[in-house]
C-alpha cells in the first residue's frame, strides 16, 4: 500500500467517525427531547400539587404521589425548587412525610456511595429535607472530599440548628477557597451563638494554623463579644493574623481598638498598615489624625491610598489635612491628596469598601 492509498483509508475512517459522531449527537438530542416530553406532564403535575398544598387547598398526599412517580433526580430538583417557597412549618410536614418513602430512604443510603454524583444527590436532598436522624450523614457529607458535595450539604444549616453540624462546617471553613468561605460564612450566621462560643475558644490558640481565616470570619461576623480576642491578635507574630485583626477592629469603636490600630498603623507589614489606617477611618477618632497624616507619606502606594480615603471620613477635619498635603512639600503625599480630593462621591464610596 502506497502513501496515497494509506491517506485515503485514513480519510475514509475519519469521515466515518465524524458521521458516527453526528448521528450520536442527533440521537442524544432526540432521546433528550423524547424524555423531556414524557416527563414534563409529571413536573407540571407536581408543581400544581405543590402550589395547591402550599396554599392549603389540597392535602399533602397529592404531593407525595406526584414525587413518587418522578425519577429520583427530578423529584429532588422539585423539592429543592419549592423549598424556598413553602413556609417553614408546612415544609417540616413534607420532610417528615418524605422520611418514610422508599425512594427517600434509598437516597439517604447514597451518603456513603463511592460515586460522588450519588453523594451529591443525597446532599442536595438532605440540604432541604433533613431530619434530626440525618445529623451523622450530613456531618460526613460536609467533610466530603468532593467540593460539589460538601457545598451542597452545608446548605442544611439554613434549616437545621445542630451544634455538631455547625462545628463541622466551622472547622472546615479555613481550608476553603475565599468564595466558598463566604458561602459557608453565610450558612453559619444562622447558628450565631454556637459560632461565637467556638470562635472565642479557637481565637485563643495562638499556634492554630487556621487562625488567619478564623480571624477573617470573625471580622465578617462583627460580633461585639469577639472584640477582646481580636484586639489581642493585633500583636500576633503572624502578619496575616495582624492584617485580619486590623481589618476587624474597624467595626469596634473602642479605646482598646484604637490603641491596637495605632500600633498596627506602623506595623512592619504594609498590608497590616493599610488595613489599620482603613479601620481608623471607620472609627474616626480625631486623636488619630496625625497618624493618618503621616501615613500619607508611607512608602507603599496602597497604604497612602487607604490613609487618604480614611481622612475623607473625618469630614472637614480630614479634608483640611488633605488640602494641606495637596500644597505641601512631600511629592507622594501631594499626589495622593490631589487624586483623592478629585474623586467623585460615588468613586469614594466604592474605594472605601
C-alpha atoms as a PDB file:
ATOM      1  CA  UNK A   1       0.000   0.000   0.000  1.00  0.00           C
ATOM      2  CA  UNK A   2       1.480   3.316  -1.020  1.00  0.00           C
ATOM      3  CA  UNK A   3       1.208   6.591   0.906  1.00  0.00           C
ATOM      4  CA  UNK A   4      -1.703   7.863  -1.176  1.00  0.00           C
ATOM      5  CA  UNK A   5      -3.799   4.745  -0.522  1.00  0.00           C
ATOM      6  CA  UNK A   6      -2.992   4.978   3.177  1.00  0.00           C
ATOM      7  CA  UNK A   7      -4.153   8.609   3.316  1.00  0.00           C
ATOM      8  CA  UNK A   8      -7.379   7.679   1.515  1.00  0.00           C
ATOM      9  CA  UNK A   9      -8.080   4.942   4.089  1.00  0.00           C
ATOM     10  CA  UNK A  10      -7.379   7.370   6.945  1.00  0.00           C
ATOM     11  CA  UNK A  11      -9.715   9.957   5.385  1.00  0.00           C
ATOM     12  CA  UNK A  12     -12.483   7.372   4.990  1.00  0.00           C
ATOM     13  CA  UNK A  13     -12.085   6.220   8.604  1.00  0.00           C
ATOM     14  CA  UNK A  14     -12.120   9.802   9.863  1.00  0.00           C
ATOM     15  CA  UNK A  15     -15.168  10.568   7.757  1.00  0.00           C
ATOM     16  CA  UNK A  16     -16.934   7.511   9.179  1.00  0.00           C
ATOM     17  CA  UNK A  17     -16.073   8.554  12.732  1.00  0.00           C
ATOM     18  CA  UNK A  18     -17.317  12.089  12.070  1.00  0.00           C
ATOM     19  CA  UNK A  19     -20.562  10.735  10.644  1.00  0.00           C
ATOM     20  CA  UNK A  20     -20.961   8.450  13.668  1.00  0.00           C
ATOM     21  CA  UNK A  21     -20.397  11.420  15.973  1.00  0.00           C
ATOM     22  CA  UNK A  22     -23.056  13.471  14.179  1.00  0.00           C
ATOM     23  CA  UNK A  23     -25.503  10.564  14.381  1.00  0.00           C
ATOM     24  CA  UNK A  24     -24.741  10.201  18.097  1.00  0.00           C
ATOM     25  CA  UNK A  25     -25.385  13.918  18.689  1.00  0.00           C
ATOM     26  CA  UNK A  26     -28.689  13.763  16.816  1.00  0.00           C
ATOM     27  CA  UNK A  27     -29.794  10.623  18.654  1.00  0.00           C
ATOM     28  CA  UNK A  28     -28.812  12.119  22.011  1.00  0.00           C
ATOM     29  CA  UNK A  29     -30.807  15.224  21.245  1.00  0.00           C
ATOM     30  CA  UNK A  30     -33.769  13.114  20.131  1.00  0.00           C
ATOM     31  CA  UNK A  31     -33.701  10.978  23.280  1.00  0.00           C
ATOM     32  CA  UNK A  32     -33.488  14.077  25.463  1.00  0.00           C
ATOM     33  CA  UNK A  33     -36.450  15.705  23.752  1.00  0.00           C
ATOM     34  CA  UNK A  34     -38.434  12.497  23.978  1.00  0.00           C
ATOM     35  CA  UNK A  35     -37.611  12.121  27.666  1.00  0.00           C
ATOM     36  CA  UNK A  36     -38.456  15.766  28.332  1.00  0.00           C
ATOM     37  CA  UNK A  37     -41.792  15.391  26.540  1.00  0.00           C
ATOM     38  CA  UNK A  38     -42.586  12.338  28.630  1.00  0.00           C
ATOM     39  CA  UNK A  39     -41.561  13.914  31.951  1.00  0.00           C
ATOM     40  CA  UNK A  40     -42.955  17.433  31.519  1.00  0.00           C
ATOM     41  CA  UNK A  41     -46.504  16.385  32.495  1.00  0.00           C
ATOM     42  CA  UNK A  42     -45.110  14.858  35.699  1.00  0.00           C
ATOM     43  CA  UNK A  43     -43.231  18.059  36.512  1.00  0.00           C
ATOM     44  CA  UNK A  44     -46.312  20.171  35.868  1.00  0.00           C
ATOM     45  CA  UNK A  45     -48.460  17.868  37.992  1.00  0.00           C
ATOM     46  CA  UNK A  46     -46.010  18.077  40.927  1.00  0.00           C
ATOM     47  CA  UNK A  47     -45.795  21.873  40.606  1.00  0.00           C
ATOM     48  CA  UNK A  48     -49.590  22.122  40.587  1.00  0.00           C
ATOM     49  CA  UNK A  49     -49.993  19.862  43.624  1.00  0.00           C
ATOM     50  CA  UNK A  50     -47.204  21.730  45.458  1.00  0.00           C
ATOM     51  CA  UNK A  51     -48.897  25.030  44.696  1.00  0.00           C
ATOM     52  CA  UNK A  52     -52.267  23.834  45.986  1.00  0.00           C
ATOM     53  CA  UNK A  53     -50.731  22.250  49.075  1.00  0.00           C
ATOM     54  CA  UNK A  54     -48.701  25.372  49.894  1.00  0.00           C
ATOM     55  CA  UNK A  55     -51.897  27.432  49.626  1.00  0.00           C
ATOM     56  CA  UNK A  56     -53.714  24.996  51.926  1.00  0.00           C
ATOM     57  CA  UNK A  57     -56.270  23.913  49.348  1.00  0.00           C
ATOM     58  CA  UNK A  58     -55.038  20.325  48.832  1.00  0.00           C
ATOM     59  CA  UNK A  59     -53.653  17.557  51.057  1.00  0.00           C
ATOM     60  CA  UNK A  60     -50.001  16.577  51.239  1.00  0.00           C
ATOM     61  CA  UNK A  61     -50.824  13.117  49.875  1.00  0.00           C
ATOM     62  CA  UNK A  62     -51.127  14.513  46.338  1.00  0.00           C
ATOM     63  CA  UNK A  63     -47.624  15.926  46.537  1.00  0.00           C
ATOM     64  CA  UNK A  64     -46.213  12.633  47.779  1.00  0.00           C
ATOM     65  CA  UNK A  65     -47.888  10.671  44.986  1.00  0.00           C
ATOM     66  CA  UNK A  66     -46.541  13.076  42.355  1.00  0.00           C
ATOM     67  CA  UNK A  67     -42.991  12.928  43.727  1.00  0.00           C
ATOM     68  CA  UNK A  68     -43.108   9.138  43.853  1.00  0.00           C
ATOM     69  CA  UNK A  69     -43.958   8.940  40.149  1.00  0.00           C
ATOM     70  CA  UNK A  70     -40.981  11.033  39.081  1.00  0.00           C
ATOM     71  CA  UNK A  71     -37.385   9.837  38.610  1.00  0.00           C
ATOM     72  CA  UNK A  72     -35.425  10.422  41.806  1.00  0.00           C
ATOM     73  CA  UNK A  73     -33.209  13.161  40.375  1.00  0.00           C
ATOM     74  CA  UNK A  74     -36.215  15.139  39.131  1.00  0.00           C
ATOM     75  CA  UNK A  75     -38.058  14.659  42.416  1.00  0.00           C
ATOM     76  CA  UNK A  76     -35.060  16.134  44.255  1.00  0.00           C
ATOM     77  CA  UNK A  77     -34.963  19.054  41.809  1.00  0.00           C
ATOM     78  CA  UNK A  78     -38.631  19.739  42.533  1.00  0.00           C
ATOM     79  CA  UNK A  79     -38.101  19.577  46.292  1.00  0.00           C
ATOM     80  CA  UNK A  80     -35.116  21.938  46.161  1.00  0.00           C
ATOM     81  CA  UNK A  81     -37.018  24.357  43.924  1.00  0.00           C
ATOM     82  CA  UNK A  82     -40.045  24.513  46.222  1.00  0.00           C
ATOM     83  CA  UNK A  83     -38.097  24.575  49.493  1.00  0.00           C
ATOM     84  CA  UNK A  84     -37.748  28.368  49.323  1.00  0.00           C
ATOM     85  CA  UNK A  85     -41.439  28.925  48.522  1.00  0.00           C
ATOM     86  CA  UNK A  86     -43.147  26.930  51.274  1.00  0.00           C
ATOM     87  CA  UNK A  87     -43.323  28.246  54.881  1.00  0.00           C
ATOM     88  CA  UNK A  88     -41.161  26.514  57.465  1.00  0.00           C
ATOM     89  CA  UNK A  89     -43.814  24.642  59.430  1.00  0.00           C
ATOM     90  CA  UNK A  90     -45.514  23.234  56.343  1.00  0.00           C
ATOM     91  CA  UNK A  91     -42.153  22.275  54.883  1.00  0.00           C
ATOM     92  CA  UNK A  92     -41.333  20.296  58.025  1.00  0.00           C
ATOM     93  CA  UNK A  93     -44.501  18.295  57.429  1.00  0.00           C
ATOM     94  CA  UNK A  94     -43.240  17.409  53.960  1.00  0.00           C
ATOM     95  CA  UNK A  95     -39.787  16.476  55.307  1.00  0.00           C
ATOM     96  CA  UNK A  96     -41.372  14.181  57.892  1.00  0.00           C
ATOM     97  CA  UNK A  97     -43.529  12.527  55.238  1.00  0.00           C
ATOM     98  CA  UNK A  98     -40.523  12.054  52.936  1.00  0.00           C
ATOM     99  CA  UNK A  99     -38.628  10.281  55.709  1.00  0.00           C
ATOM    100  CA  UNK A 100     -40.816   7.210  55.241  1.00  0.00           C
ATOM    101  CA  UNK A 101     -40.889   6.982  51.434  1.00  0.00           C
ATOM    102  CA  UNK A 102     -38.884   4.212  49.779  1.00  0.00           C
ATOM    103  CA  UNK A 103     -37.045   6.439  47.317  1.00  0.00           C
ATOM    104  CA  UNK A 104     -36.022   8.939  50.012  1.00  0.00           C
ATOM    105  CA  UNK A 105     -34.636   6.090  52.099  1.00  0.00           C
ATOM    106  CA  UNK A 106     -32.645   4.956  49.070  1.00  0.00           C
ATOM    107  CA  UNK A 107     -31.292   8.487  48.540  1.00  0.00           C
ATOM    108  CA  UNK A 108     -30.161   8.610  52.169  1.00  0.00           C
ATOM    109  CA  UNK A 109     -28.083   5.450  51.725  1.00  0.00           C
ATOM    110  CA  UNK A 110     -26.126   7.233  48.978  1.00  0.00           C
ATOM    111  CA  UNK A 111     -24.318   9.315  51.605  1.00  0.00           C
ATOM    112  CA  UNK A 112     -21.646   6.604  51.636  1.00  0.00           C
ATOM    113  CA  UNK A 113     -21.661   5.872  47.904  1.00  0.00           C
ATOM    114  CA  UNK A 114     -18.325   5.557  46.098  1.00  0.00           C
ATOM    115  CA  UNK A 115     -19.743   7.698  43.270  1.00  0.00           C
ATOM    116  CA  UNK A 116     -19.576  11.409  44.044  1.00  0.00           C
ATOM    117  CA  UNK A 117     -22.688  12.268  41.999  1.00  0.00           C
ATOM    118  CA  UNK A 118     -24.725   9.917  44.166  1.00  0.00           C
ATOM    119  CA  UNK A 119     -23.372  11.613  47.300  1.00  0.00           C
ATOM    120  CA  UNK A 120     -24.217  14.959  45.706  1.00  0.00           C
ATOM    121  CA  UNK A 121     -27.773  13.786  45.117  1.00  0.00           C
ATOM    122  CA  UNK A 122     -28.013  12.813  48.780  1.00  0.00           C
ATOM    123  CA  UNK A 123     -26.502  16.130  49.915  1.00  0.00           C
ATOM    124  CA  UNK A 124     -28.978  18.146  47.828  1.00  0.00           C
ATOM    125  CA  UNK A 125     -31.898  16.175  49.209  1.00  0.00           C
ATOM    126  CA  UNK A 126     -30.792  16.436  52.843  1.00  0.00           C
ATOM    127  CA  UNK A 127     -29.998  20.145  52.499  1.00  0.00           C
ATOM    128  CA  UNK A 128     -33.742  20.824  52.377  1.00  0.00           C
ATOM    129  CA  UNK A 129     -35.381  17.675  53.789  1.00  0.00           C
ATOM    130  CA  UNK A 130     -33.069  16.508  56.580  1.00  0.00           C
ATOM    131  CA  UNK A 131     -34.395  15.192  59.886  1.00  0.00           C
ATOM    132  CA  UNK A 132     -32.587  15.008  63.279  1.00  0.00           C
ATOM    133  CA  UNK A 133     -31.633  11.414  62.483  1.00  0.00           C
ATOM    134  CA  UNK A 134     -29.612  12.672  59.492  1.00  0.00           C
ATOM    135  CA  UNK A 135     -27.005  14.577  61.532  1.00  0.00           C
ATOM    136  CA  UNK A 136     -24.357  11.846  61.157  1.00  0.00           C
ATOM    137  CA  UNK A 137     -24.962  11.639  57.395  1.00  0.00           C
ATOM    138  CA  UNK A 138     -24.723  15.390  56.981  1.00  0.00           C
ATOM    139  CA  UNK A 139     -21.549  15.541  59.066  1.00  0.00           C
ATOM    140  CA  UNK A 140     -19.988  13.005  56.713  1.00  0.00           C
ATOM    141  CA  UNK A 141     -21.168  14.923  53.657  1.00  0.00           C
ATOM    142  CA  UNK A 142     -19.873  18.280  54.932  1.00  0.00           C
ATOM    143  CA  UNK A 143     -16.495  16.591  55.354  1.00  0.00           C
ATOM    144  CA  UNK A 144     -16.712  15.058  51.873  1.00  0.00           C
ATOM    145  CA  UNK A 145     -13.623  15.374  49.698  1.00  0.00           C
ATOM    146  CA  UNK A 146     -15.602  16.471  46.634  1.00  0.00           C
ATOM    147  CA  UNK A 147     -16.306  20.239  46.588  1.00  0.00           C
ATOM    148  CA  UNK A 148     -19.755  19.960  44.999  1.00  0.00           C
ATOM    149  CA  UNK A 149     -20.880  17.538  47.704  1.00  0.00           C
ATOM    150  CA  UNK A 150     -19.798  19.499  50.773  1.00  0.00           C
ATOM    151  CA  UNK A 151     -21.018  22.825  49.334  1.00  0.00           C
ATOM    152  CA  UNK A 152     -24.450  21.289  48.751  1.00  0.00           C
ATOM    153  CA  UNK A 153     -24.506  19.653  52.188  1.00  0.00           C
ATOM    154  CA  UNK A 154     -23.639  22.789  54.170  1.00  0.00           C
ATOM    155  CA  UNK A 155     -26.864  24.422  52.945  1.00  0.00           C
ATOM    156  CA  UNK A 156     -28.638  22.273  55.551  1.00  0.00           C
ATOM    157  CA  UNK A 157     -27.537  24.834  58.180  1.00  0.00           C
ATOM    158  CA  UNK A 158     -30.254  27.165  56.913  1.00  0.00           C
ATOM    159  CA  UNK A 159     -32.861  24.729  58.257  1.00  0.00           C
ATOM    160  CA  UNK A 160     -31.108  22.684  60.952  1.00  0.00           C
ATOM    161  CA  UNK A 161     -29.603  24.300  64.031  1.00  0.00           C
ATOM    162  CA  UNK A 162     -27.495  21.379  65.213  1.00  0.00           C
ATOM    163  CA  UNK A 163     -24.268  22.120  67.067  1.00  0.00           C
ATOM    164  CA  UNK A 164     -22.300  19.177  65.567  1.00  0.00           C
ATOM    165  CA  UNK A 165     -23.101  20.353  62.033  1.00  0.00           C
ATOM    166  CA  UNK A 166     -22.213  23.952  62.823  1.00  0.00           C
ATOM    167  CA  UNK A 167     -18.870  22.971  64.358  1.00  0.00           C
ATOM    168  CA  UNK A 168     -18.080  20.655  61.439  1.00  0.00           C
ATOM    169  CA  UNK A 169     -18.671  23.465  58.949  1.00  0.00           C
ATOM    170  CA  UNK A 170     -16.708  25.928  61.064  1.00  0.00           C
ATOM    171  CA  UNK A 171     -13.738  23.557  61.300  1.00  0.00           C
ATOM    172  CA  UNK A 172     -13.715  23.175  57.522  1.00  0.00           C
ATOM    173  CA  UNK A 173     -14.069  26.905  56.852  1.00  0.00           C
ATOM    174  CA  UNK A 174     -10.322  27.790  56.995  1.00  0.00           C
ATOM    175  CA  UNK A 175      -9.479  25.111  54.404  1.00  0.00           C
ATOM    176  CA  UNK A 176     -11.736  26.523  51.690  1.00  0.00           C
ATOM    177  CA  UNK A 177     -11.236  28.936  48.809  1.00  0.00           C
ATOM    178  CA  UNK A 178     -12.293  32.550  49.586  1.00  0.00           C
ATOM    179  CA  UNK A 179     -15.537  32.385  47.581  1.00  0.00           C
ATOM    180  CA  UNK A 180     -16.575  29.122  49.225  1.00  0.00           C
ATOM    181  CA  UNK A 181     -15.574  30.552  52.628  1.00  0.00           C
ATOM    182  CA  UNK A 182     -18.003  33.413  52.078  1.00  0.00           C
ATOM    183  CA  UNK A 183     -20.786  30.936  51.256  1.00  0.00           C
ATOM    184  CA  UNK A 184     -20.031  28.843  54.347  1.00  0.00           C
ATOM    185  CA  UNK A 185     -19.981  32.008  56.447  1.00  0.00           C
ATOM    186  CA  UNK A 186     -23.461  32.942  55.217  1.00  0.00           C
ATOM    187  CA  UNK A 187     -24.731  29.493  56.210  1.00  0.00           C
ATOM    188  CA  UNK A 188     -23.083  29.681  59.644  1.00  0.00           C
ATOM    189  CA  UNK A 189     -24.644  33.025  60.561  1.00  0.00           C
ATOM    190  CA  UNK A 190     -27.893  31.273  61.440  1.00  0.00           C
ATOM    191  CA  UNK A 191     -26.131  29.462  64.287  1.00  0.00           C
ATOM    192  CA  UNK A 192     -24.502  32.633  65.590  1.00  0.00           C
ATOM    193  CA  UNK A 193     -24.410  31.804  69.359  1.00  0.00           C
ATOM    194  CA  UNK A 194     -22.695  28.455  68.773  1.00  0.00           C
ATOM    195  CA  UNK A 195     -20.278  30.017  66.268  1.00  0.00           C
ATOM    196  CA  UNK A 196     -19.327  32.850  68.623  1.00  0.00           C
ATOM    197  CA  UNK A 197     -18.673  30.482  71.530  1.00  0.00           C
ATOM    198  CA  UNK A 198     -16.480  28.280  69.347  1.00  0.00           C
ATOM    199  CA  UNK A 199     -14.580  31.251  67.928  1.00  0.00           C
ATOM    200  CA  UNK A 200     -13.898  32.531  71.429  1.00  0.00           C
ATOM    201  CA  UNK A 201     -12.026  29.299  72.092  1.00  0.00           C
ATOM    202  CA  UNK A 202     -10.276  28.978  68.716  1.00  0.00           C
ATOM    203  CA  UNK A 203      -9.033  32.581  68.675  1.00  0.00           C
ATOM    204  CA  UNK A 204      -7.159  31.903  71.931  1.00  0.00           C
ATOM    205  CA  UNK A 205      -4.940  29.289  70.239  1.00  0.00           C
ATOM    206  CA  UNK A 206      -2.006  31.379  69.110  1.00  0.00           C
ATOM    207  CA  UNK A 207      -0.403  28.467  67.259  1.00  0.00           C
ATOM    208  CA  UNK A 208      -3.526  27.457  65.327  1.00  0.00           C
ATOM    209  CA  UNK A 209      -2.625  27.413  61.581  1.00  0.00           C
ATOM    210  CA  UNK A 210      -6.241  28.293  60.792  1.00  0.00           C
ATOM    211  CA  UNK A 211      -6.079  31.484  62.873  1.00  0.00           C
ATOM    212  CA  UNK A 212      -5.895  33.956  59.931  1.00  0.00           C
ATOM    213  CA  UNK A 213      -9.016  32.534  58.303  1.00  0.00           C
ATOM    214  CA  UNK A 214     -10.879  32.323  61.612  1.00  0.00           C
ATOM    215  CA  UNK A 215      -9.986  35.937  62.352  1.00  0.00           C
ATOM    216  CA  UNK A 216     -11.260  36.882  58.885  1.00  0.00           C
ATOM    217  CA  UNK A 217     -14.536  35.117  59.602  1.00  0.00           C
ATOM    218  CA  UNK A 218     -14.769  36.799  62.997  1.00  0.00           C
ATOM    219  CA  UNK A 219     -14.344  40.143  61.242  1.00  0.00           C
ATOM    220  CA  UNK A 220     -17.213  39.269  58.925  1.00  0.00           C
ATOM    221  CA  UNK A 221     -19.411  38.446  61.909  1.00  0.00           C
ATOM    222  CA  UNK A 222     -18.835  41.804  63.589  1.00  0.00           C
ATOM    223  CA  UNK A 223     -19.816  40.311  66.941  1.00  0.00           C
ATOM    224  CA  UNK A 224     -19.005  42.662  69.883  1.00  0.00           C
ATOM    225  CA  UNK A 225     -18.221  39.679  72.124  1.00  0.00           C
ATOM    226  CA  UNK A 226     -15.215  38.888  69.896  1.00  0.00           C
ATOM    227  CA  UNK A 227     -13.652  42.358  70.158  1.00  0.00           C
ATOM    228  CA  UNK A 228     -11.371  41.472  73.056  1.00  0.00           C
ATOM    229  CA  UNK A 229      -9.945  38.405  71.323  1.00  0.00           C
ATOM    230  CA  UNK A 230      -9.435  40.270  68.050  1.00  0.00           C
ATOM    231  CA  UNK A 231      -7.689  43.102  69.888  1.00  0.00           C
ATOM    232  CA  UNK A 232      -5.260  40.600  71.402  1.00  0.00           C
ATOM    233  CA  UNK A 233      -4.432  39.308  67.908  1.00  0.00           C
ATOM    234  CA  UNK A 234      -3.124  42.746  66.916  1.00  0.00           C
ATOM    235  CA  UNK A 235       0.236  41.747  68.420  1.00  0.00           C
ATOM    236  CA  UNK A 236       0.362  38.236  66.939  1.00  0.00           C
ATOM    237  CA  UNK A 237       3.609  37.074  65.356  1.00  0.00           C
ATOM    238  CA  UNK A 238       1.944  36.081  62.077  1.00  0.00           C
ATOM    239  CA  UNK A 239       1.494  39.157  59.818  1.00  0.00           C
ATOM    240  CA  UNK A 240      -1.598  37.645  58.171  1.00  0.00           C
ATOM    241  CA  UNK A 241      -3.265  37.387  61.576  1.00  0.00           C
ATOM    242  CA  UNK A 242      -2.402  41.028  62.282  1.00  0.00           C
ATOM    243  CA  UNK A 243      -3.890  42.014  58.912  1.00  0.00           C
ATOM    244  CA  UNK A 244      -7.166  40.320  59.749  1.00  0.00           C
ATOM    245  CA  UNK A 245      -7.194  41.826  63.243  1.00  0.00           C
ATOM    246  CA  UNK A 246      -6.620  45.298  61.768  1.00  0.00           C
ATOM    247  CA  UNK A 247      -9.451  44.739  59.311  1.00  0.00           C
ATOM    248  CA  UNK A 248     -11.826  43.547  62.034  1.00  0.00           C
ATOM    249  CA  UNK A 249     -11.198  46.220  64.651  1.00  0.00           C
ATOM    250  CA  UNK A 250     -12.678  48.941  62.472  1.00  0.00           C
ATOM    251  CA  UNK A 251     -16.095  47.514  63.353  1.00  0.00           C
ATOM    252  CA  UNK A 252     -15.500  48.000  67.106  1.00  0.00           C
ATOM    253  CA  UNK A 253     -15.218  51.678  68.129  1.00  0.00           C
ATOM    254  CA  UNK A 254     -13.472  51.247  71.477  1.00  0.00           C
ATOM    255  CA  UNK A 255     -10.412  52.826  73.076  1.00  0.00           C
ATOM    256  CA  UNK A 256      -8.608  49.480  73.093  1.00  0.00           C
ATOM    257  CA  UNK A 257      -9.386  49.048  69.407  1.00  0.00           C
ATOM    258  CA  UNK A 258      -7.963  52.492  68.671  1.00  0.00           C
ATOM    259  CA  UNK A 259      -4.827  51.744  70.697  1.00  0.00           C
ATOM    260  CA  UNK A 260      -4.260  48.470  68.853  1.00  0.00           C
ATOM    261  CA  UNK A 261      -4.851  50.115  65.469  1.00  0.00           C
ATOM    262  CA  UNK A 262      -2.357  52.856  66.279  1.00  0.00           C
ATOM    263  CA  UNK A 263       0.285  50.169  66.782  1.00  0.00           C
ATOM    264  CA  UNK A 264      -0.750  48.386  63.608  1.00  0.00           C
ATOM    265  CA  UNK A 265      -0.584  51.628  61.605  1.00  0.00           C
ATOM    266  CA  UNK A 266       3.213  51.464  61.998  1.00  0.00           C
ATOM    267  CA  UNK A 267       3.466  47.700  61.532  1.00  0.00           C
ATOM    268  CA  UNK A 268       6.286  46.188  59.510  1.00  0.00           C
ATOM    269  CA  UNK A 269       3.829  44.511  57.153  1.00  0.00           C
ATOM    270  CA  UNK A 270       2.382  47.008  54.667  1.00  0.00           C
ATOM    271  CA  UNK A 271      -0.922  45.084  54.396  1.00  0.00           C
ATOM    272  CA  UNK A 272      -1.407  45.438  58.159  1.00  0.00           C
ATOM    273  CA  UNK A 273      -0.704  49.175  57.935  1.00  0.00           C
ATOM    274  CA  UNK A 274      -3.190  49.557  55.082  1.00  0.00           C
ATOM    275  CA  UNK A 275      -5.960  47.752  56.959  1.00  0.00           C
ATOM    276  CA  UNK A 276      -5.155  49.650  60.155  1.00  0.00           C
ATOM    277  CA  UNK A 277      -5.495  53.113  58.596  1.00  0.00           C
ATOM    278  CA  UNK A 278      -8.690  51.957  56.855  1.00  0.00           C
ATOM    279  CA  UNK A 279     -10.143  50.878  60.202  1.00  0.00           C
ATOM    280  CA  UNK A 280      -9.035  54.111  61.873  1.00  0.00           C
ATOM    281  CA  UNK A 281     -11.059  55.943  59.239  1.00  0.00           C
ATOM    282  CA  UNK A 282     -14.095  53.815  60.079  1.00  0.00           C
ATOM    283  CA  UNK A 283     -13.798  54.676  63.781  1.00  0.00           C
ATOM    284  CA  UNK A 284     -12.938  58.354  63.039  1.00  0.00           C
ATOM    285  CA  UNK A 285     -11.233  59.134  66.334  1.00  0.00           C
ATOM    286  CA  UNK A 286      -9.797  62.661  65.985  1.00  0.00           C
ATOM    287  CA  UNK A 287      -6.742  61.700  68.044  1.00  0.00           C
ATOM    288  CA  UNK A 288      -5.584  59.528  65.135  1.00  0.00           C
ATOM    289  CA  UNK A 289      -5.479  62.360  62.579  1.00  0.00           C
ATOM    290  CA  UNK A 290      -1.690  62.924  62.967  1.00  0.00           C
ATOM    291  CA  UNK A 291      -1.104  59.208  62.410  1.00  0.00           C
ATOM    292  CA  UNK A 292      -3.163  59.218  59.220  1.00  0.00           C
ATOM    293  CA  UNK A 293      -1.395  62.373  58.063  1.00  0.00           C
ATOM    294  CA  UNK A 294       1.921  60.575  58.487  1.00  0.00           C
ATOM    295  CA  UNK A 295       0.568  57.551  56.583  1.00  0.00           C
ATOM    296  CA  UNK A 296       0.118  59.801  53.525  1.00  0.00           C
ATOM    297  CA  UNK A 297       3.915  59.614  53.208  1.00  0.00           C
ATOM    298  CA  UNK A 298       4.126  55.826  53.530  1.00  0.00           C
ATOM    299  CA  UNK A 299       6.467  54.094  51.090  1.00  0.00           C
ATOM    300  CA  UNK A 300       3.656  51.831  49.839  1.00  0.00           C
ATOM    301  CA  UNK A 301       1.087  53.372  47.493  1.00  0.00           C
ATOM    302  CA  UNK A 302      -1.770  51.234  48.817  1.00  0.00           C
ATOM    303  CA  UNK A 303      -1.194  52.443  52.391  1.00  0.00           C
ATOM    304  CA  UNK A 304      -1.187  56.047  51.197  1.00  0.00           C
ATOM    305  CA  UNK A 305      -4.470  55.478  49.355  1.00  0.00           C
ATOM    306  CA  UNK A 306      -6.101  53.935  52.408  1.00  0.00           C
ATOM    307  CA  UNK A 307      -4.880  56.803  54.578  1.00  0.00           C
ATOM    308  CA  UNK A 308      -6.293  59.415  52.196  1.00  0.00           C
ATOM    309  CA  UNK A 309      -9.643  57.638  51.993  1.00  0.00           C
ATOM    310  CA  UNK A 310      -9.706  57.319  55.769  1.00  0.00           C
ATOM    311  CA  UNK A 311      -9.138  61.059  56.127  1.00  0.00           C
ATOM    312  CA  UNK A 312     -12.184  61.722  53.954  1.00  0.00           C
ATOM    313  CA  UNK A 313     -14.292  60.007  56.614  1.00  0.00           C
ATOM    314  CA  UNK A 314     -13.322  62.729  59.122  1.00  0.00           C
ATOM    315  CA  UNK A 315     -15.376  65.302  57.202  1.00  0.00           C
ATOM    316  CA  UNK A 316     -13.933  68.836  57.392  1.00  0.00           C
ATOM    317  CA  UNK A 317     -11.009  67.947  59.676  1.00  0.00           C
ATOM    318  CA  UNK A 318      -9.757  65.181  57.407  1.00  0.00           C
ATOM    319  CA  UNK A 319     -10.343  67.202  54.258  1.00  0.00           C
ATOM    320  CA  UNK A 320      -8.241  70.037  55.696  1.00  0.00           C
ATOM    321  CA  UNK A 321      -5.371  67.593  56.240  1.00  0.00           C
ATOM    322  CA  UNK A 322      -5.598  66.525  52.588  1.00  0.00           C
ATOM    323  CA  UNK A 323      -5.753  70.155  51.429  1.00  0.00           C
ATOM    324  CA  UNK A 324      -2.567  70.876  53.380  1.00  0.00           C
ATOM    325  CA  UNK A 325      -0.877  67.832  51.843  1.00  0.00           C
ATOM    326  CA  UNK A 326      -2.038  68.936  48.373  1.00  0.00           C
ATOM    327  CA  UNK A 327       0.116  72.063  48.614  1.00  0.00           C
ATOM    328  CA  UNK A 328       2.800  70.550  50.850  1.00  0.00           C
ATOM    329  CA  UNK A 329       6.374  69.697  50.043  1.00  0.00           C
ATOM    330  CA  UNK A 330       6.120  65.893  50.017  1.00  0.00           C
ATOM    331  CA  UNK A 331       5.523  64.755  46.409  1.00  0.00           C
ATOM    332  CA  UNK A 332       3.943  61.356  47.202  1.00  0.00           C
ATOM    333  CA  UNK A 333       1.544  62.841  49.784  1.00  0.00           C
ATOM    334  CA  UNK A 334       0.727  65.691  47.385  1.00  0.00           C
ATOM    335  CA  UNK A 335      -0.072  63.299  44.517  1.00  0.00           C
ATOM    336  CA  UNK A 336      -2.288  61.121  46.684  1.00  0.00           C
ATOM    337  CA  UNK A 337      -4.156  64.095  48.155  1.00  0.00           C
ATOM    338  CA  UNK A 338      -4.776  65.502  44.680  1.00  0.00           C
ATOM    339  CA  UNK A 339      -6.109  62.181  43.425  1.00  0.00           C
ATOM    340  CA  UNK A 340      -8.500  61.535  46.326  1.00  0.00           C
ATOM    341  CA  UNK A 341      -9.757  65.122  46.526  1.00  0.00           C
ATOM    342  CA  UNK A 342     -10.594  64.918  42.841  1.00  0.00           C
ATOM    343  CA  UNK A 343     -12.658  61.749  43.130  1.00  0.00           C
ATOM    344  CA  UNK A 344     -16.476  61.994  42.864  1.00  0.00           C
ATOM    345  CA  UNK A 345     -18.600  60.847  45.807  1.00  0.00           C
ATOM    346  CA  UNK A 346     -19.541  57.557  44.121  1.00  0.00           C
ATOM    347  CA  UNK A 347     -15.914  56.643  43.485  1.00  0.00           C
ATOM    348  CA  UNK A 348     -15.026  57.472  47.082  1.00  0.00           C
ATOM    349  CA  UNK A 349     -17.783  55.175  48.339  1.00  0.00           C
ATOM    350  CA  UNK A 350     -16.568  52.327  46.144  1.00  0.00           C
ATOM    351  CA  UNK A 351     -12.905  52.777  47.133  1.00  0.00           C
ATOM    352  CA  UNK A 352     -13.760  52.970  50.814  1.00  0.00           C
ATOM    353  CA  UNK A 353     -15.324  49.481  50.926  1.00  0.00           C
END
